[in-house]
Amino acid sequence: NSNSNIQSFDSAKKKLIEYKGSDIGISDINYKYCRDFISFLDGFKK
Protein backbone atom coordinates (compact mmCIF):
# COMPACT_ATOMS: atom_id res chain seq x y z
CA ASN A 1 0.00 0.00 0.00
CA SER A 2 0.99 3.60 -0.56
CA ASN A 3 1.31 5.89 2.45
CA SER A 4 -2.01 7.54 1.61
CA ASN A 5 -3.77 4.16 1.36
CA ILE A 6 -2.31 3.05 4.70
CA GLN A 7 -3.67 6.24 6.24
CA SER A 8 -7.09 5.49 4.70
CA PHE A 9 -7.12 2.05 6.33
CA ASP A 10 -6.05 3.64 9.63
CA SER A 11 -8.88 6.19 9.42
CA ALA A 12 -11.43 3.44 8.76
CA LYS A 13 -10.05 1.43 11.69
CA LYS A 14 -10.42 4.44 14.01
CA LYS A 15 -14.06 4.84 12.94
CA LEU A 16 -14.73 1.14 13.58
CA ILE A 17 -13.16 1.43 17.04
CA GLU A 18 -15.33 4.48 17.80
CA TYR A 19 -18.31 2.43 16.61
CA LYS A 20 -17.94 -0.76 18.65
CA GLY A 21 -14.57 -0.68 20.42
CA SER A 22 -11.21 -2.32 19.75
CA ASP A 23 -11.91 -5.78 21.20
CA ILE A 24 -14.21 -6.99 18.42
CA GLY A 25 -13.34 -10.52 17.33
CA ILE A 26 -13.45 -11.72 13.73
CA SER A 27 -16.27 -14.10 14.70
CA ASP A 28 -18.32 -11.11 15.97
CA ILE A 29 -18.62 -9.62 12.48
CA ASN A 30 -22.14 -10.36 11.27
CA TYR A 31 -24.67 -8.64 9.05
CA LYS A 32 -25.98 -6.45 11.89
CA TYR A 33 -22.46 -5.26 12.76
CA CYS A 34 -21.90 -4.23 9.13
CA ARG A 35 -25.36 -2.70 8.62
CA ASP A 36 -25.26 -0.65 11.80
CA PHE A 37 -21.77 0.64 10.96
CA ILE A 38 -23.39 2.50 8.04
CA SER A 39 -25.94 4.02 10.44
CA PHE A 40 -23.11 5.04 12.79
CA LEU A 41 -21.22 6.74 9.95
CA ASP A 42 -24.36 8.43 8.67
CA GLY A 43 -24.95 10.03 12.06
CA PHE A 44 -21.29 10.81 12.80
CA LYS A 45 -20.39 14.47 13.29
CA LYS A 46 -16.87 15.84 12.89
All heavy atoms as atom14 arrays in JSON, in Angstrom:
{
  "sequence": "NSNSNIQSFDSAKKKLIEYKGSDIGISDINYKYCRDFISFLDGFKK",
  "atom14_mask": [
    [1, 1, 1, 1, 1, 1, 1, 1, 0, 0, 0, 0, 0, 0],
    [1, 1, 1, 1, 1, 1, 0, 0, 0, 0, 0, 0, 0, 0],
    [1, 1, 1, 1, 1, 1, 1, 1, 0, 0, 0, 0, 0, 0],
    [1, 1, 1, 1, 1, 1, 0, 0, 0, 0, 0, 0, 0, 0],
    [1, 1, 1, 1, 1, 1, 1, 1, 0, 0, 0, 0, 0, 0],
    [1, 1, 1, 1, 1, 1, 1, 1, 0, 0, 0, 0, 0, 0],
    [1, 1, 1, 1, 1, 1, 1, 1, 1, 0, 0, 0, 0, 0],
    [1, 1, 1, 1, 1, 1, 0, 0, 0, 0, 0, 0, 0, 0],
    [1, 1, 1, 1, 1, 1, 1, 1, 1, 1, 1, 0, 0, 0],
    [1, 1, 1, 1, 1, 1, 1, 1, 0, 0, 0, 0, 0, 0],
    [1, 1, 1, 1, 1, 1, 0, 0, 0, 0, 0, 0, 0, 0],
    [1, 1, 1, 1, 1, 0, 0, 0, 0, 0, 0, 0, 0, 0],
    [1, 1, 1, 1, 1, 1, 1, 1, 1, 0, 0, 0, 0, 0],
    [1, 1, 1, 1, 1, 1, 1, 1, 1, 0, 0, 0, 0, 0],
    [1, 1, 1, 1, 1, 1, 1, 1, 1, 0, 0, 0, 0, 0],
    [1, 1, 1, 1, 1, 1, 1, 1, 0, 0, 0, 0, 0, 0],
    [1, 1, 1, 1, 1, 1, 1, 1, 0, 0, 0, 0, 0, 0],
    [1, 1, 1, 1, 1, 1, 1, 1, 1, 0, 0, 0, 0, 0],
    [1, 1, 1, 1, 1, 1, 1, 1, 1, 1, 1, 1, 0, 0],
    [1, 1, 1, 1, 1, 1, 1, 1, 1, 0, 0, 0, 0, 0],
    [1, 1, 1, 1, 0, 0, 0, 0, 0, 0, 0, 0, 0, 0],
    [1, 1, 1, 1, 1, 1, 0, 0, 0, 0, 0, 0, 0, 0],
    [1, 1, 1, 1, 1, 1, 1, 1, 0, 0, 0, 0, 0, 0],
    [1, 1, 1, 1, 1, 1, 1, 1, 0, 0, 0, 0, 0, 0],
    [1, 1, 1, 1, 0, 0, 0, 0, 0, 0, 0, 0, 0, 0],
    [1, 1, 1, 1, 1, 1, 1, 1, 0, 0, 0, 0, 0, 0],
    [1, 1, 1, 1, 1, 1, 0, 0, 0, 0, 0, 0, 0, 0],
    [1, 1, 1, 1, 1, 1, 1, 1, 0, 0, 0, 0, 0, 0],
    [1, 1, 1, 1, 1, 1, 1, 1, 0, 0, 0, 0, 0, 0],
    [1, 1, 1, 1, 1, 1, 1, 1, 0, 0, 0, 0, 0, 0],
    [1, 1, 1, 1, 1, 1, 1, 1, 1, 1, 1, 1, 0, 0],
    [1, 1, 1, 1, 1, 1, 1, 1, 1, 0, 0, 0, 0, 0],
    [1, 1, 1, 1, 1, 1, 1, 1, 1, 1, 1, 1, 0, 0],
    [1, 1, 1, 1, 1, 1, 0, 0, 0, 0, 0, 0, 0, 0],
    [1, 1, 1, 1, 1, 1, 1, 1, 1, 1, 1, 0, 0, 0],
    [1, 1, 1, 1, 1, 1, 1, 1, 0, 0, 0, 0, 0, 0],
    [1, 1, 1, 1, 1, 1, 1, 1, 1, 1, 1, 0, 0, 0],
    [1, 1, 1, 1, 1, 1, 1, 1, 0, 0, 0, 0, 0, 0],
    [1, 1, 1, 1, 1, 1, 0, 0, 0, 0, 0, 0, 0, 0],
    [1, 1, 1, 1, 1, 1, 1, 1, 1, 1, 1, 0, 0, 0],
    [1, 1, 1, 1, 1, 1, 1, 1, 0, 0, 0, 0, 0, 0],
    [1, 1, 1, 1, 1, 1, 1, 1, 0, 0, 0, 0, 0, 0],
    [1, 1, 1, 1, 0, 0, 0, 0, 0, 0, 0, 0, 0, 0],
    [1, 1, 1, 1, 1, 1, 1, 1, 1, 1, 1, 0, 0, 0],
    [1, 1, 1, 1, 1, 1, 1, 1, 1, 0, 0, 0, 0, 0],
    [1, 1, 1, 1, 1, 1, 1, 1, 1, 0, 0, 0, 0, 0]
  ],
  "atom14_positions": [
    [[0.83, -1.21, 0.0], [0.0, 0.0, 0.0], [0.86, 1.26, 0.0], [1.95, 1.27, 0.57], [-0.9, 0.02, 1.24], [-2.04, -0.96, 1.15], [-2.87, -0.87, 0.25], [-2.09, -1.92, 2.07], [0.0, 0.0, 0.0], [0.0, 0.0, 0.0], [0.0, 0.0, 0.0], [0.0, 0.0, 0.0], [0.0, 0.0, 0.0], [0.0, 0.0, 0.0]],
    [[0.34, 2.3, -0.63], [0.99, 3.6, -0.56], [0.75, 4.19, 0.82], [-0.11, 3.73, 1.58], [0.43, 4.54, -1.63], [-0.94, 4.78, -1.38], [0.0, 0.0, 0.0], [0.0, 0.0, 0.0], [0.0, 0.0, 0.0], [0.0, 0.0, 0.0], [0.0, 0.0, 0.0], [0.0, 0.0, 0.0], [0.0, 0.0, 0.0], [0.0, 0.0, 0.0]],
    [[1.49, 5.24, 1.16], [1.31, 5.89, 2.45], [-0.11, 6.42, 2.61], [-0.71, 6.31, 3.68], [2.3, 7.04, 2.61], [3.72, 6.55, 2.85], [3.92, 5.52, 3.47], [4.69, 7.27, 2.35], [0.0, 0.0, 0.0], [0.0, 0.0, 0.0], [0.0, 0.0, 0.0], [0.0, 0.0, 0.0], [0.0, 0.0, 0.0], [0.0, 0.0, 0.0]],
    [[-0.66, 6.99, 1.54], [-2.01, 7.54, 1.61], [-3.05, 6.44, 1.81], [-4.03, 6.62, 2.53], [-2.33, 8.35, 0.35], [-2.25, 7.54, -0.8], [0.0, 0.0, 0.0], [0.0, 0.0, 0.0], [0.0, 0.0, 0.0], [0.0, 0.0, 0.0], [0.0, 0.0, 0.0], [0.0, 0.0, 0.0], [0.0, 0.0, 0.0], [0.0, 0.0, 0.0]],
    [[-2.83, 5.27, 1.21], [-3.77, 4.16, 1.36], [-3.69, 3.57, 2.78], [-4.71, 3.19, 3.36], [-3.5, 3.08, 0.32], [-4.75, 2.3, -0.03], [-5.85, 2.84, 0.04], [-4.6, 1.05, -0.4], [0.0, 0.0, 0.0], [0.0, 0.0, 0.0], [0.0, 0.0, 0.0], [0.0, 0.0, 0.0], [0.0, 0.0, 0.0], [0.0, 0.0, 0.0]],
    [[-2.48, 3.51, 3.32], [-2.31, 3.05, 4.7], [-3.06, 3.97, 5.66], [-3.74, 3.52, 6.59], [-0.81, 2.97, 5.08], [-0.14, 1.81, 4.32], [-0.63, 2.79, 6.58], [1.37, 1.78, 4.48], [0.0, 0.0, 0.0], [0.0, 0.0, 0.0], [0.0, 0.0, 0.0], [0.0, 0.0, 0.0], [0.0, 0.0, 0.0], [0.0, 0.0, 0.0]],
    [[-2.96, 5.27, 5.4], [-3.67, 6.24, 6.24], [-5.18, 6.09, 6.11], [-5.92, 6.27, 7.09], [-3.25, 7.67, 5.86], [-1.83, 8.0, 6.3], [-1.37, 9.37, 5.86], [-2.11, 10.09, 5.18], [-0.16, 9.74, 6.23], [0.0, 0.0, 0.0], [0.0, 0.0, 0.0], [0.0, 0.0, 0.0], [0.0, 0.0, 0.0], [0.0, 0.0, 0.0]],
    [[-5.65, 5.71, 4.91], [-7.09, 5.49, 4.7], [-7.57, 4.3, 5.51], [-8.64, 4.34, 6.13], [-7.38, 5.26, 3.21], [-7.11, 6.41, 2.46], [0.0, 0.0, 0.0], [0.0, 0.0, 0.0], [0.0, 0.0, 0.0], [0.0, 0.0, 0.0], [0.0, 0.0, 0.0], [0.0, 0.0, 0.0], [0.0, 0.0, 0.0], [0.0, 0.0, 0.0]],
    [[-6.78, 3.22, 5.53], [-7.12, 2.05, 6.33], [-7.12, 2.42, 7.82], [-7.98, 1.97, 8.58], [-6.12, 0.92, 6.09], [-6.5, 0.01, 4.95], [-5.87, 0.1, 3.72], [-7.51, -0.94, 5.11], [-6.21, -0.73, 2.67], [-7.86, -1.78, 4.06], [-7.21, -1.68, 2.83], [0.0, 0.0, 0.0], [0.0, 0.0, 0.0], [0.0, 0.0, 0.0]],
    [[-6.15, 3.23, 8.23], [-6.05, 3.64, 9.63], [-7.26, 4.48, 10.04], [-7.79, 4.31, 11.14], [-4.76, 4.42, 9.85], [-4.49, 4.68, 11.32], [-4.54, 3.72, 12.12], [-4.24, 5.85, 11.69], [0.0, 0.0, 0.0], [0.0, 0.0, 0.0], [0.0, 0.0, 0.0], [0.0, 0.0, 0.0], [0.0, 0.0, 0.0], [0.0, 0.0, 0.0]],
    [[-7.71, 5.35, 9.14], [-8.88, 6.19, 9.42], [-10.13, 5.34, 9.57], [-10.96, 5.57, 10.46], [-9.09, 7.22, 8.3], [-8.01, 8.12, 8.25], [0.0, 0.0, 0.0], [0.0, 0.0, 0.0], [0.0, 0.0, 0.0], [0.0, 0.0, 0.0], [0.0, 0.0, 0.0], [0.0, 0.0, 0.0], [0.0, 0.0, 0.0], [0.0, 0.0, 0.0]],
    [[-10.28, 4.34, 8.69], [-11.43, 3.44, 8.76], [-11.4, 2.63, 10.05], [-12.43, 2.43, 10.72], [-11.45, 2.51, 7.55], [0.0, 0.0, 0.0], [0.0, 0.0, 0.0], [0.0, 0.0, 0.0], [0.0, 0.0, 0.0], [0.0, 0.0, 0.0], [0.0, 0.0, 0.0], [0.0, 0.0, 0.0], [0.0, 0.0, 0.0], [0.0, 0.0, 0.0]],
    [[-10.21, 2.18, 10.44], [-10.05, 1.43, 11.69], [-10.46, 2.28, 12.89], [-11.16, 1.79, 13.8], [-8.6, 0.97, 11.83], [-8.27, 0.28, 13.14], [-6.77, -0.03, 13.21], [-6.36, -0.46, 14.61], [-4.9, -0.7, 14.69], [0.0, 0.0, 0.0], [0.0, 0.0, 0.0], [0.0, 0.0, 0.0], [0.0, 0.0, 0.0], [0.0, 0.0, 0.0]],
    [[-10.07, 3.54, 12.9], [-10.42, 4.44, 14.01], [-11.93, 4.61, 14.1], [-12.5, 4.64, 15.2], [-9.74, 5.8, 13.83], [-8.24, 5.77, 14.11], [-7.61, 7.12, 13.84], [-6.09, 7.07, 14.12], [-5.43, 8.35, 13.76], [0.0, 0.0, 0.0], [0.0, 0.0, 0.0], [0.0, 0.0, 0.0], [0.0, 0.0, 0.0], [0.0, 0.0, 0.0]],
    [[-12.6, 4.7, 12.93], [-14.06, 4.84, 12.94], [-14.72, 3.57, 13.47], [-15.71, 3.62, 14.21], [-14.57, 5.14, 11.53], [-14.29, 6.56, 11.07], [-15.13, 7.55, 11.84], [-14.9, 8.99, 11.41], [-13.56, 9.49, 11.79], [0.0, 0.0, 0.0], [0.0, 0.0, 0.0], [0.0, 0.0, 0.0], [0.0, 0.0, 0.0], [0.0, 0.0, 0.0]],
    [[-14.19, 2.41, 13.09], [-14.73, 1.14, 13.58], [-14.54, 1.0, 15.09], [-15.42, 0.49, 15.79], [-14.06, -0.02, 12.85], [-14.56, -0.28, 11.43], [-13.56, -1.13, 10.66], [-15.92, -0.95, 11.45], [0.0, 0.0, 0.0], [0.0, 0.0, 0.0], [0.0, 0.0, 0.0], [0.0, 0.0, 0.0], [0.0, 0.0, 0.0], [0.0, 0.0, 0.0]],
    [[-13.41, 1.48, 15.59], [-13.16, 1.43, 17.04], [-14.11, 2.37, 17.78], [-14.66, 2.03, 18.83], [-11.68, 1.76, 17.35], [-10.78, 0.62, 16.86], [-11.48, 2.0, 18.85], [-9.29, 0.91, 16.96], [0.0, 0.0, 0.0], [0.0, 0.0, 0.0], [0.0, 0.0, 0.0], [0.0, 0.0, 0.0], [0.0, 0.0, 0.0], [0.0, 0.0, 0.0]],
    [[-14.36, 3.55, 17.2], [-15.33, 4.48, 17.8], [-16.73, 3.86, 17.78], [-17.55, 4.13, 18.67], [-15.33, 5.8, 17.03], [-14.1, 6.66, 17.25], [-14.18, 7.98, 16.49], [-15.05, 8.81, 16.86], [-13.42, 8.16, 15.52], [0.0, 0.0, 0.0], [0.0, 0.0, 0.0], [0.0, 0.0, 0.0], [0.0, 0.0, 0.0], [0.0, 0.0, 0.0]],
    [[-16.98, 3.05, 16.79], [-18.31, 2.43, 16.61], [-18.58, 1.34, 17.65], [-19.57, 1.39, 18.37], [-18.39, 1.88, 15.18], [-19.49, 0.9, 14.89], [-20.82, 1.18, 15.2], [-19.2, -0.32, 14.28], [-21.83, 0.26, 14.93], [-20.2, -1.23, 13.99], [-21.52, -0.93, 14.31], [-22.51, -1.84, 14.03], [0.0, 0.0, 0.0], [0.0, 0.0, 0.0]],
    [[-17.67, 0.37, 17.77], [-17.94, -0.76, 18.65], [-16.73, -1.19, 19.51], [-16.75, -2.27, 20.08], [-18.39, -1.98, 17.84], [-19.81, -1.89, 17.29], [-20.87, -1.97, 18.38], [-22.26, -1.97, 17.78], [-23.32, -2.0, 18.81], [0.0, 0.0, 0.0], [0.0, 0.0, 0.0], [0.0, 0.0, 0.0], [0.0, 0.0, 0.0], [0.0, 0.0, 0.0]],
    [[-15.7, -0.35, 19.58], [-14.57, -0.68, 20.42], [-13.5, -1.49, 19.69], [-13.68, -1.93, 18.56], [0.0, 0.0, 0.0], [0.0, 0.0, 0.0], [0.0, 0.0, 0.0], [0.0, 0.0, 0.0], [0.0, 0.0, 0.0], [0.0, 0.0, 0.0], [0.0, 0.0, 0.0], [0.0, 0.0, 0.0], [0.0, 0.0, 0.0], [0.0, 0.0, 0.0]],
    [[-12.38, -1.69, 20.37], [-11.21, -2.32, 19.75], [-11.12, -3.82, 20.0], [-10.23, -4.49, 19.47], [-9.93, -1.65, 20.26], [-9.85, -1.77, 21.67], [0.0, 0.0, 0.0], [0.0, 0.0, 0.0], [0.0, 0.0, 0.0], [0.0, 0.0, 0.0], [0.0, 0.0, 0.0], [0.0, 0.0, 0.0], [0.0, 0.0, 0.0], [0.0, 0.0, 0.0]],
    [[-12.02, -4.37, 20.82], [-11.91, -5.78, 21.2], [-12.8, -6.71, 20.37], [-12.99, -7.87, 20.72], [-12.26, -5.97, 22.68], [-11.19, -5.4, 23.6], [-10.01, -5.39, 23.17], [-11.51, -4.95, 24.7], [0.0, 0.0, 0.0], [0.0, 0.0, 0.0], [0.0, 0.0, 0.0], [0.0, 0.0, 0.0], [0.0, 0.0, 0.0], [0.0, 0.0, 0.0]],
    [[-13.33, -6.19, 19.28], [-14.21, -6.99, 18.42], [-13.42, -8.16, 17.82], [-12.32, -7.97, 17.27], [-14.81, -6.13, 17.3], [-15.81, -5.12, 17.89], [-15.49, -6.98, 16.24], [-17.06, -5.75, 18.46], [0.0, 0.0, 0.0], [0.0, 0.0, 0.0], [0.0, 0.0, 0.0], [0.0, 0.0, 0.0], [0.0, 0.0, 0.0], [0.0, 0.0, 0.0]],
    [[-13.98, -9.36, 17.93], [-13.34, -10.52, 17.33], [-13.83, -10.72, 15.9], [-14.9, -10.24, 15.52], [0.0, 0.0, 0.0], [0.0, 0.0, 0.0], [0.0, 0.0, 0.0], [0.0, 0.0, 0.0], [0.0, 0.0, 0.0], [0.0, 0.0, 0.0], [0.0, 0.0, 0.0], [0.0, 0.0, 0.0], [0.0, 0.0, 0.0], [0.0, 0.0, 0.0]],
    [[-13.06, -11.43, 15.11], [-13.45, -11.72, 13.73], [-14.8, -12.44, 13.71], [-15.66, -12.16, 12.87], [-12.37, -12.56, 13.03], [-11.09, -11.74, 12.87], [-12.87, -13.06, 11.67], [-9.9, -12.54, 12.35], [0.0, 0.0, 0.0], [0.0, 0.0, 0.0], [0.0, 0.0, 0.0], [0.0, 0.0, 0.0], [0.0, 0.0, 0.0], [0.0, 0.0, 0.0]],
    [[-15.01, -13.33, 14.66], [-16.27, -14.1, 14.7], [-17.47, -13.23, 15.08], [-18.62, -13.66, 14.93], [-16.14, -15.26, 15.69], [-15.84, -14.78, 16.99], [0.0, 0.0, 0.0], [0.0, 0.0, 0.0], [0.0, 0.0, 0.0], [0.0, 0.0, 0.0], [0.0, 0.0, 0.0], [0.0, 0.0, 0.0], [0.0, 0.0, 0.0], [0.0, 0.0, 0.0]],
    [[-17.22, -12.01, 15.59], [-18.32, -11.11, 15.97], [-18.88, -10.34, 14.78], [-19.9, -9.66, 14.91], [-17.84, -10.1, 17.02], [-17.41, -10.76, 18.33], [-18.07, -11.76, 18.7], [-16.44, -10.3, 18.94], [0.0, 0.0, 0.0], [0.0, 0.0, 0.0], [0.0, 0.0, 0.0], [0.0, 0.0, 0.0], [0.0, 0.0, 0.0], [0.0, 0.0, 0.0]],
    [[-18.2, -10.41, 13.64], [-18.62, -9.62, 12.48], [-19.76, -10.34, 11.77], [-19.56, -11.35, 11.09], [-17.44, -9.4, 11.5], [-16.24, -8.83, 12.23], [-17.88, -8.48, 10.36], [-16.49, -7.51, 12.92], [0.0, 0.0, 0.0], [0.0, 0.0, 0.0], [0.0, 0.0, 0.0], [0.0, 0.0, 0.0], [0.0, 0.0, 0.0], [0.0, 0.0, 0.0]],
    [[-20.97, -9.81, 11.95], [-22.14, -10.36, 11.27], [-22.83, -9.27, 10.46], [-22.34, -8.13, 10.39], [-23.11, -10.99, 12.29], [-23.46, -10.02, 13.41], [-23.4, -8.8, 13.24], [-23.83, -10.55, 14.57], [0.0, 0.0, 0.0], [0.0, 0.0, 0.0], [0.0, 0.0, 0.0], [0.0, 0.0, 0.0], [0.0, 0.0, 0.0], [0.0, 0.0, 0.0]],
    [[-23.96, -9.62, 9.89], [-24.67, -8.64, 9.05], [-25.07, -7.4, 9.84], [-24.91, -6.27, 9.38], [-25.92, -9.29, 8.44], [-26.86, -8.3, 7.79], [-26.53, -7.69, 6.57], [-28.06, -7.95, 8.4], [-27.37, -6.76, 5.99], [-28.91, -7.02, 7.81], [-28.57, -6.43, 6.61], [-29.4, -5.51, 6.03], [0.0, 0.0, 0.0], [0.0, 0.0, 0.0]],
    [[-25.55, -7.59, 11.07], [-25.98, -6.45, 11.89], [-24.81, -5.51, 12.19], [-24.97, -4.28, 12.16], [-26.6, -6.96, 13.2], [-27.21, -5.87, 14.07], [-27.85, -6.46, 15.31], [-28.58, -5.37, 16.12], [-27.71, -4.28, 16.55], [0.0, 0.0, 0.0], [0.0, 0.0, 0.0], [0.0, 0.0, 0.0], [0.0, 0.0, 0.0], [0.0, 0.0, 0.0]],
    [[-23.64, -6.08, 12.5], [-22.46, -5.26, 12.76], [-22.17, -4.37, 11.55], [-21.91, -3.17, 11.69], [-21.26, -6.15, 13.06], [-19.96, -5.41, 13.31], [-19.58, -5.02, 14.59], [-19.1, -5.1, 12.25], [-18.39, -4.34, 14.82], [-17.91, -4.42, 12.46], [-17.55, -4.04, 13.74], [-16.38, -3.37, 13.95], [0.0, 0.0, 0.0], [0.0, 0.0, 0.0]],
    [[-22.22, -4.96, 10.36], [-21.9, -4.23, 9.13], [-22.98, -3.19, 8.82], [-22.68, -2.04, 8.49], [-21.75, -5.19, 7.96], [-20.4, -6.37, 8.16], [0.0, 0.0, 0.0], [0.0, 0.0, 0.0], [0.0, 0.0, 0.0], [0.0, 0.0, 0.0], [0.0, 0.0, 0.0], [0.0, 0.0, 0.0], [0.0, 0.0, 0.0], [0.0, 0.0, 0.0]],
    [[-24.25, -3.62, 8.93], [-25.36, -2.7, 8.62], [-25.37, -1.5, 9.54], [-25.52, -0.35, 9.1], [-26.68, -3.46, 8.74], [-27.92, -2.63, 8.42], [-29.16, -3.28, 9.0], [-29.11, -3.29, 10.47], [-29.93, -4.01, 11.23], [-30.82, -4.8, 10.66], [-29.82, -3.97, 12.54], [0.0, 0.0, 0.0], [0.0, 0.0, 0.0], [0.0, 0.0, 0.0]],
    [[-25.18, -1.74, 10.83], [-25.26, -0.65, 11.8], [-24.04, 0.27, 11.74], [-24.08, 1.4, 12.23], [-25.43, -1.2, 13.22], [-26.81, -1.85, 13.42], [-27.65, -1.72, 12.51], [-27.01, -2.5, 14.46], [0.0, 0.0, 0.0], [0.0, 0.0, 0.0], [0.0, 0.0, 0.0], [0.0, 0.0, 0.0], [0.0, 0.0, 0.0], [0.0, 0.0, 0.0]],
    [[-22.93, -0.23, 11.17], [-21.77, 0.64, 10.96], [-22.12, 1.77, 10.0], [-21.69, 2.92, 10.18], [-20.58, -0.17, 10.43], [-19.31, 0.62, 10.25], [-18.86, 1.5, 11.23], [-18.55, 0.48, 9.09], [-17.69, 2.23, 11.07], [-17.38, 1.21, 8.91], [-16.95, 2.09, 9.9], [0.0, 0.0, 0.0], [0.0, 0.0, 0.0], [0.0, 0.0, 0.0]],
    [[-22.93, 1.46, 8.98], [-23.39, 2.5, 8.04], [-24.22, 3.54, 8.79], [-24.04, 4.75, 8.59], [-24.22, 1.88, 6.9], [-23.33, 1.04, 5.97], [-24.93, 2.96, 6.09], [-22.37, 1.86, 5.13], [0.0, 0.0, 0.0], [0.0, 0.0, 0.0], [0.0, 0.0, 0.0], [0.0, 0.0, 0.0], [0.0, 0.0, 0.0], [0.0, 0.0, 0.0]],
    [[-25.12, 3.09, 9.67], [-25.94, 4.02, 10.44], [-25.08, 4.9, 11.34], [-25.32, 6.1, 11.49], [-26.95, 3.25, 11.3], [-27.82, 2.5, 10.48], [0.0, 0.0, 0.0], [0.0, 0.0, 0.0], [0.0, 0.0, 0.0], [0.0, 0.0, 0.0], [0.0, 0.0, 0.0], [0.0, 0.0, 0.0], [0.0, 0.0, 0.0], [0.0, 0.0, 0.0]],
    [[-24.04, 4.28, 11.94], [-23.11, 5.04, 12.79], [-22.41, 6.13, 11.98], [-22.33, 7.29, 12.41], [-22.08, 4.09, 13.39], [-20.91, 4.78, 14.05], [-21.02, 5.3, 15.34], [-19.7, 4.92, 13.38], [-19.94, 5.94, 15.94], [-18.62, 5.56, 13.97], [-18.75, 6.08, 15.26], [0.0, 0.0, 0.0], [0.0, 0.0, 0.0], [0.0, 0.0, 0.0]],
    [[-21.92, 5.77, 10.8], [-21.22, 6.74, 9.95], [-22.16, 7.84, 9.47], [-21.78, 9.01, 9.4], [-20.59, 6.03, 8.75], [-19.44, 5.05, 9.05], [-19.05, 4.3, 7.78], [-18.23, 5.78, 9.63], [0.0, 0.0, 0.0], [0.0, 0.0, 0.0], [0.0, 0.0, 0.0], [0.0, 0.0, 0.0], [0.0, 0.0, 0.0], [0.0, 0.0, 0.0]],
    [[-23.38, 7.46, 9.16], [-24.36, 8.43, 8.67], [-24.69, 9.48, 9.72], [-24.95, 10.64, 9.4], [-25.63, 7.7, 8.24], [-26.58, 8.61, 7.48], [-26.13, 9.3, 6.55], [-27.78, 8.64, 7.83], [0.0, 0.0, 0.0], [0.0, 0.0, 0.0], [0.0, 0.0, 0.0], [0.0, 0.0, 0.0], [0.0, 0.0, 0.0], [0.0, 0.0, 0.0]],
    [[-24.64, 9.09, 11.0], [-24.95, 10.03, 12.06], [-23.73, 10.68, 12.69], [-23.86, 11.52, 13.59], [0.0, 0.0, 0.0], [0.0, 0.0, 0.0], [0.0, 0.0, 0.0], [0.0, 0.0, 0.0], [0.0, 0.0, 0.0], [0.0, 0.0, 0.0], [0.0, 0.0, 0.0], [0.0, 0.0, 0.0], [0.0, 0.0, 0.0], [0.0, 0.0, 0.0]],
    [[-22.54, 10.31, 12.21], [-21.29, 10.81, 12.8], [-21.1, 12.3, 12.49], [-21.32, 12.74, 11.36], [-20.11, 10.01, 12.27], [-18.8, 10.34, 12.95], [-18.43, 9.68, 14.11], [-17.96, 11.31, 12.44], [-17.23, 9.97, 14.74], [-16.76, 11.61, 13.07], [-16.4, 10.94, 14.23], [0.0, 0.0, 0.0], [0.0, 0.0, 0.0], [0.0, 0.0, 0.0]],
    [[-20.68, 13.05, 13.49], [-20.39, 14.47, 13.29], [-18.91, 14.75, 13.59], [-18.39, 14.29, 14.6], [-21.26, 15.34, 14.19], [-22.71, 15.42, 13.73], [-23.5, 16.42, 14.56], [-24.93, 16.53, 14.09], [-25.69, 17.53, 14.88], [0.0, 0.0, 0.0], [0.0, 0.0, 0.0], [0.0, 0.0, 0.0], [0.0, 0.0, 0.0], [0.0, 0.0, 0.0]],
    [[-18.27, 15.48, 12.7], [-16.87, 15.84, 12.89], [-16.76, 16.95, 13.93], [-17.76, 17.48, 14.4], [-16.27, 16.29, 11.54], [-16.23, 15.17, 10.51], [-15.55, 15.61, 9.23], [-16.47, 16.45, 8.36], [-15.89, 16.73, 7.03], [0.0, 0.0, 0.0], [0.0, 0.0, 0.0], [0.0, 0.0, 0.0], [0.0, 0.0, 0.0], [0.0, 0.0, 0.0]]
  ]
}
